[in-house]
Amino acid sequence: MKAGKSPAARQDICLVAIVILIGGVLYYGALDIPPPRFDPLGSAAVPKTIAVSLAVLAVLLFIQNAAGWRGGVISAPRDMEGADEVAESTGEYRADPAAALASIVIPVVYVLSIQYGLFDFAIGSTLFAFAYGLVFMPVLRRRMVWLLVPASIAIGVGLTLAYTQLFTIDLPLDALFSLGLSL
């Protein structure tokens, strides 16, 4: 089947267009953010970076589609144990409504917990990374959950240090359940 002719290829092209549109709207909205007075980076840097990242990833997906590459580097391994997780004939994932719901609920809980001071940024980000890792880790690889713990801690603490020390962005660091650790 030629590139761009299969239903999956058409879905990819629609996704590319939507993601580029969202990135463009996000970037356009970030242009209205006033320049910083004292911060070297400013508030507009994060939404602009996200917008550009979205556009770059969308272009890469378009290139993958145009070249006819199916099952890129982020596809599931076909020889993985647990063939019920991956359809043998197509190599595609089956729908998982629980994972889809979790991919919406976990970020909402994360943002609300930080917004209302339940957790500070480092602890909230660590718990967020751990929860996402548990949801999207294949069932047979859950015995490797011990690797997820230090990775989640590194993500939470690393992001906090990067934002506060490198980018000099103020983050919510005092929270109701904070462990009293200061960075």
C-alpha atoms as a PDB file:
ATOM      1  CA  MET A   1       0.000   0.000   0.000  1.00  0.00           C
ATOM      2  CA  LYS A   2       1.377   3.409  -0.930  1.00  0.00           C
ATOM      3  CA  ALA A   3       2.154   6.077   1.633  1.00  0.00           C
ATOM      4  CA  GLY A   4      -0.843   8.305   2.308  1.00  0.00           C
ATOM      5  CA  LYS A   5      -3.387   5.821   0.960  1.00  0.00           C
ATOM      6  CA  SER A   6      -4.069   3.622   3.988  1.00  0.00           C
ATOM      7  CA  PRO A   7      -6.559   4.661   6.686  1.00  0.00           C
ATOM      8  CA  ALA A   8      -3.695   4.874   9.210  1.00  0.00           C
ATOM      9  CA  ALA A   9      -1.759   7.166   6.875  1.00  0.00           C
ATOM     10  CA  ARG A  10      -4.780   9.433   6.417  1.00  0.00           C
ATOM     11  CA  GLN A  11      -5.244   9.535  10.192  1.00  0.00           C
ATOM     12  CA  ASP A  12      -1.581  10.482  10.570  1.00  0.00           C
ATOM     13  CA  ILE A  13      -1.963  13.333   8.077  1.00  0.00           C
ATOM     14  CA  CYS A  14      -5.063  14.605   9.912  1.00  0.00           C
ATOM     15  CA  LEU A  15      -3.153  14.383  13.188  1.00  0.00           C
ATOM     16  CA  VAL A  16      -0.243  16.326  11.665  1.00  0.00           C
ATOM     17  CA  ALA A  17      -2.586  19.097  10.521  1.00  0.00           C
ATOM     18  CA  ILE A  18      -4.348  19.303  13.894  1.00  0.00           C
ATOM     19  CA  VAL A  19      -1.092  19.317  15.890  1.00  0.00           C
ATOM     20  CA  ILE A  20       0.448  22.014  13.677  1.00  0.00           C
ATOM     21  CA  LEU A  21      -2.742  24.067  14.044  1.00  0.00           C
ATOM     22  CA  ILE A  22      -2.659  23.690  17.846  1.00  0.00           C
ATOM     23  CA  GLY A  23       1.046  24.569  17.894  1.00  0.00           C
ATOM     24  CA  GLY A  24       0.397  27.642  15.758  1.00  0.00           C
ATOM     25  CA  VAL A  25      -2.435  28.828  17.994  1.00  0.00           C
ATOM     26  CA  LEU A  26      -0.283  28.238  21.084  1.00  0.00           C
ATOM     27  CA  TYR A  27       2.649  30.153  19.588  1.00  0.00           C
ATOM     28  CA  TYR A  28       0.392  32.989  18.444  1.00  0.00           C
ATOM     29  CA  GLY A  29      -1.106  33.215  21.938  1.00  0.00           C
ATOM     30  CA  ALA A  30       2.386  33.280  23.481  1.00  0.00           C
ATOM     31  CA  LEU A  31       3.243  36.344  21.409  1.00  0.00           C
ATOM     32  CA  ASP A  32       0.838  38.359  23.582  1.00  0.00           C
ATOM     33  CA  ILE A  33       2.761  37.531  26.771  1.00  0.00           C
ATOM     34  CA  PRO A  34       4.723  40.631  27.774  1.00  0.00           C
ATOM     35  CA  PRO A  35       8.527  40.444  27.743  1.00  0.00           C
ATOM     36  CA  PRO A  36      10.258  39.814  31.063  1.00  0.00           C
ATOM     37  CA  ARG A  37      11.563  42.643  33.205  1.00  0.00           C
ATOM     38  CA  PHE A  38      13.961  40.774  35.422  1.00  0.00           C
ATOM     39  CA  ASP A  39      13.887  37.120  34.293  1.00  0.00           C
ATOM     40  CA  PRO A  40      16.324  36.202  31.553  1.00  0.00           C
ATOM     41  CA  LEU A  41      13.922  33.760  29.925  1.00  0.00           C
ATOM     42  CA  GLY A  42      10.435  35.124  30.480  1.00  0.00           C
ATOM     43  CA  SER A  43       7.003  33.557  30.699  1.00  0.00           C
ATOM     44  CA  ALA A  44       6.542  33.104  26.946  1.00  0.00           C
ATOM     45  CA  ALA A  45       9.482  30.710  26.571  1.00  0.00           C
ATOM     46  CA  VAL A  46       7.654  27.595  27.770  1.00  0.00           C
ATOM     47  CA  PRO A  47       4.555  27.889  25.538  1.00  0.00           C
ATOM     48  CA  LYS A  48       6.734  28.850  22.562  1.00  0.00           C
ATOM     49  CA  THR A  49       9.005  25.863  23.159  1.00  0.00           C
ATOM     50  CA  ILE A  50       6.020  23.535  23.434  1.00  0.00           C
ATOM     51  CA  ALA A  51       4.510  24.970  20.242  1.00  0.00           C
ATOM     52  CA  VAL A  52       7.739  24.515  18.286  1.00  0.00           C
ATOM     53  CA  SER A  53       8.202  20.999  19.710  1.00  0.00           C
ATOM     54  CA  LEU A  54       4.678  20.051  18.632  1.00  0.00           C
ATOM     55  CA  ALA A  55       5.327  21.340  15.131  1.00  0.00           C
ATOM     56  CA  VAL A  56       8.650  19.489  14.850  1.00  0.00           C
ATOM     57  CA  LEU A  57       7.083  16.213  16.006  1.00  0.00           C
ATOM     58  CA  ALA A  58       4.201  16.690  13.573  1.00  0.00           C
ATOM     59  CA  VAL A  59       6.623  17.283  10.701  1.00  0.00           C
ATOM     60  CA  LEU A  60       8.559  14.142  11.677  1.00  0.00           C
ATOM     61  CA  LEU A  61       5.301  12.168  11.626  1.00  0.00           C
ATOM     62  CA  PHE A  62       4.528  13.606   8.183  1.00  0.00           C
ATOM     63  CA  ILE A  63       7.991  12.627   6.913  1.00  0.00           C
ATOM     64  CA  GLN A  64       7.556   9.125   8.330  1.00  0.00           C
ATOM     65  CA  ASN A  65       4.214   8.875   6.551  1.00  0.00           C
ATOM     66  CA  ALA A  66       5.492  10.318   3.264  1.00  0.00           C
ATOM     67  CA  ALA A  67       8.407   7.887   3.233  1.00  0.00           C
ATOM     68  CA  GLY A  68       6.032   4.998   3.832  1.00  0.00           C
ATOM     69  CA  TRP A  69       7.675   3.950   7.078  1.00  0.00           C
ATOM     70  CA  ARG A  70       5.213   2.115   9.267  1.00  0.00           C
ATOM     71  CA  GLY A  71       5.982   1.087  12.804  1.00  0.00           C
ATOM     72  CA  GLY A  72       8.584   3.716  13.575  1.00  0.00           C
ATOM     73  CA  VAL A  73      10.861   3.775  16.557  1.00  0.00           C
ATOM     74  CA  ILE A  74       7.993   4.238  18.986  1.00  0.00           C
ATOM     75  CA  SER A  75       6.016   1.197  17.867  1.00  0.00           C
ATOM     76  CA  ALA A  76       5.520  -1.843  20.045  1.00  0.00           C
ATOM     77  CA  PRO A  77       7.933  -4.720  19.710  1.00  0.00           C
ATOM     78  CA  ARG A  78       6.255  -7.520  17.793  1.00  0.00           C
ATOM     79  CA  ASP A  79       8.112 -10.342  19.491  1.00  0.00           C
ATOM     80  CA  MET A  80       7.141  -9.278  23.003  1.00  0.00           C
ATOM     81  CA  GLU A  81       5.546 -11.839  25.260  1.00  0.00           C
ATOM     82  CA  GLY A  82       1.864 -11.319  25.912  1.00  0.00           C
ATOM     83  CA  ALA A  83       0.494 -11.535  22.403  1.00  0.00           C
ATOM     84  CA  ASP A  84      -2.912 -10.548  23.749  1.00  0.00           C
ATOM     85  CA  GLU A  85      -1.523  -7.054  24.286  1.00  0.00           C
ATOM     86  CA  VAL A  86      -0.468  -6.691  20.667  1.00  0.00           C
ATOM     87  CA  ALA A  87      -2.503  -7.995  17.756  1.00  0.00           C
ATOM     88  CA  GLU A  88      -0.329 -10.548  15.954  1.00  0.00           C
ATOM     89  CA  SER A  89      -1.575  -9.902  12.451  1.00  0.00           C
ATOM     90  CA  THR A  90      -1.214  -6.115  12.346  1.00  0.00           C
ATOM     91  CA  GLY A  91       1.252  -5.368  15.121  1.00  0.00           C
ATOM     92  CA  GLU A  92      -1.022  -2.625  16.447  1.00  0.00           C
ATOM     93  CA  TYR A  93      -2.288  -2.069  19.944  1.00  0.00           C
ATOM     94  CA  ARG A  94      -5.795  -2.904  21.005  1.00  0.00           C
ATOM     95  CA  ALA A  95      -7.931  -0.133  22.409  1.00  0.00           C
ATOM     96  CA  ASP A  96      -7.466   0.301  26.156  1.00  0.00           C
ATOM     97  CA  PRO A  97     -10.168   2.591  27.546  1.00  0.00           C
ATOM     98  CA  ALA A  98      -8.678   2.476  31.061  1.00  0.00           C
ATOM     99  CA  ALA A  99      -5.303   3.739  29.817  1.00  0.00           C
ATOM    100  CA  ALA A 100      -7.033   6.407  27.723  1.00  0.00           C
ATOM    101  CA  LEU A 101      -9.014   7.585  30.741  1.00  0.00           C
ATOM    102  CA  ALA A 102      -5.888   7.520  32.915  1.00  0.00           C
ATOM    103  CA  SER A 103      -4.023   9.625  30.337  1.00  0.00           C
ATOM    104  CA  ILE A 104      -6.640  12.323  30.915  1.00  0.00           C
ATOM    105  CA  VAL A 105      -7.260  11.949  34.651  1.00  0.00           C
ATOM    106  CA  ILE A 106      -3.622  11.756  35.814  1.00  0.00           C
ATOM    107  CA  PRO A 107      -2.558  15.146  34.341  1.00  0.00           C
ATOM    108  CA  VAL A 108      -5.731  16.800  35.663  1.00  0.00           C
ATOM    109  CA  VAL A 109      -5.091  15.454  39.170  1.00  0.00           C
ATOM    110  CA  TYR A 110      -1.429  16.497  38.865  1.00  0.00           C
ATOM    111  CA  VAL A 111      -2.242  20.083  37.908  1.00  0.00           C
ATOM    112  CA  LEU A 112      -4.999  20.427  40.509  1.00  0.00           C
ATOM    113  CA  SER A 113      -2.844  18.978  43.294  1.00  0.00           C
ATOM    114  CA  ILE A 114      -0.116  21.520  42.578  1.00  0.00           C
ATOM    115  CA  GLN A 115      -2.588  24.366  41.987  1.00  0.00           C
ATOM    116  CA  TYR A 116      -4.288  23.841  45.339  1.00  0.00           C
ATOM    117  CA  GLY A 117      -1.053  23.219  47.253  1.00  0.00           C
ATOM    118  CA  LEU A 118      -1.484  19.535  48.012  1.00  0.00           C
ATOM    119  CA  PHE A 119       2.022  18.792  46.702  1.00  0.00           C
ATOM    120  CA  ASP A 120       4.915  20.980  45.724  1.00  0.00           C
ATOM    121  CA  PHE A 121       6.253  20.798  42.179  1.00  0.00           C
ATOM    122  CA  ALA A 122       9.015  18.242  42.832  1.00  0.00           C
ATOM    123  CA  ILE A 123       6.835  15.769  44.712  1.00  0.00           C
ATOM    124  CA  GLY A 124       3.865  16.244  42.375  1.00  0.00           C
ATOM    125  CA  SER A 125       6.036  15.737  39.294  1.00  0.00           C
ATOM    126  CA  THR A 126       7.617  12.628  40.809  1.00  0.00           C
ATOM    127  CA  LEU A 127       4.204  11.135  41.571  1.00  0.00           C
ATOM    128  CA  PHE A 128       2.953  12.133  38.110  1.00  0.00           C
ATOM    129  CA  ALA A 129       5.879  10.400  36.365  1.00  0.00           C
ATOM    130  CA  PHE A 130       5.444   7.304  38.543  1.00  0.00           C
ATOM    131  CA  ALA A 131       1.690   7.086  37.905  1.00  0.00           C
ATOM    132  CA  TYR A 132       2.135   7.534  34.143  1.00  0.00           C
ATOM    133  CA  GLY A 133       4.884   4.930  34.145  1.00  0.00           C
ATOM    134  CA  LEU A 134       2.655   2.431  35.924  1.00  0.00           C
ATOM    135  CA  VAL A 135      -0.229   3.013  33.538  1.00  0.00           C
ATOM    136  CA  PHE A 136       1.793   2.699  30.358  1.00  0.00           C
ATOM    137  CA  MET A 137       4.296   0.067  31.447  1.00  0.00           C
ATOM    138  CA  PRO A 138       3.483  -3.273  29.820  1.00  0.00           C
ATOM    139  CA  VAL A 139       1.964  -5.750  32.248  1.00  0.00           C
ATOM    140  CA  LEU A 140       4.770  -8.261  31.828  1.00  0.00           C
ATOM    141  CA  ARG A 141       7.398  -5.642  32.561  1.00  0.00           C
ATOM    142  CA  ARG A 142       5.844  -4.481  35.824  1.00  0.00           C
ATOM    143  CA  ARG A 143       8.360  -6.623  37.643  1.00  0.00           C
ATOM    144  CA  MET A 144      10.766  -3.866  36.610  1.00  0.00           C
ATOM    145  CA  VAL A 145       8.825  -1.256  38.624  1.00  0.00           C
ATOM    146  CA  TRP A 146      11.858  -0.765  40.838  1.00  0.00           C
ATOM    147  CA  LEU A 147      13.489   1.070  37.901  1.00  0.00           C
ATOM    148  CA  LEU A 148      10.504   3.393  37.680  1.00  0.00           C
ATOM    149  CA  VAL A 149      11.025   4.730  41.211  1.00  0.00           C
ATOM    150  CA  PRO A 150      14.482   6.308  40.686  1.00  0.00           C
ATOM    151  CA  ALA A 151      13.501   7.457  37.194  1.00  0.00           C
ATOM    152  CA  SER A 152      10.433   9.239  38.609  1.00  0.00           C
ATOM    153  CA  ILE A 153      12.479  10.848  41.366  1.00  0.00           C
ATOM    154  CA  ALA A 154      15.064  11.984  38.816  1.00  0.00           C
ATOM    155  CA  ILE A 155      12.313  13.508  36.676  1.00  0.00           C
ATOM    156  CA  GLY A 156      10.672  15.349  39.586  1.00  0.00           C
ATOM    157  CA  VAL A 157      13.878  16.667  41.126  1.00  0.00           C
ATOM    158  CA  GLY A 158      15.556  17.255  37.758  1.00  0.00           C
ATOM    159  CA  LEU A 159      12.671  19.334  36.418  1.00  0.00           C
ATOM    160  CA  THR A 160      12.531  21.324  39.634  1.00  0.00           C
ATOM    161  CA  LEU A 161      16.253  22.075  39.522  1.00  0.00           C
ATOM    162  CA  ALA A 162      16.131  22.918  35.812  1.00  0.00           C
ATOM    163  CA  TYR A 163      13.206  25.309  36.199  1.00  0.00           C
ATOM    164  CA  THR A 164      14.381  26.996  39.403  1.00  0.00           C
ATOM    165  CA  GLN A 165      18.152  27.080  38.893  1.00  0.00           C
ATOM    166  CA  LEU A 166      18.635  27.131  35.130  1.00  0.00           C
ATOM    167  CA  PHE A 167      15.543  28.969  33.895  1.00  0.00           C
ATOM    168  CA  THR A 168      14.930  30.922  37.148  1.00  0.00           C
ATOM    169  CA  ILE A 169      11.199  30.191  37.104  1.00  0.00           C
ATOM    170  CA  ASP A 170       9.333  30.368  40.396  1.00  0.00           C
ATOM    171  CA  LEU A 171       7.595  27.102  41.197  1.00  0.00           C
ATOM    172  CA  PRO A 172       5.248  26.133  44.028  1.00  0.00           C
ATOM    173  CA  LEU A 173       7.781  24.624  46.421  1.00  0.00           C
ATOM    174  CA  ASP A 174       5.868  24.894  49.685  1.00  0.00           C
ATOM    175  CA  ALA A 175       2.901  22.582  49.931  1.00  0.00           C
ATOM    176  CA  LEU A 176       0.609  20.977  52.467  1.00  0.00           C
ATOM    177  CA  PHE A 177       2.306  17.576  52.316  1.00  0.00           C
ATOM    178  CA  SER A 178       5.814  18.744  51.462  1.00  0.00           C
ATOM    179  CA  LEU A 179       8.596  16.801  53.141  1.00  0.00           C
ATOM    180  CA  GLY A 180      10.338  19.999  54.143  1.00  0.00           C
ATOM    181  CA  LEU A 181      13.165  19.475  51.691  1.00  0.00           C
ATOM    182  CA  SER A 182      14.565  22.620  50.208  1.00  0.00           C
ATOM    183  CA  LEU A 183      16.410  22.739  46.925  1.00  0.00           C
END
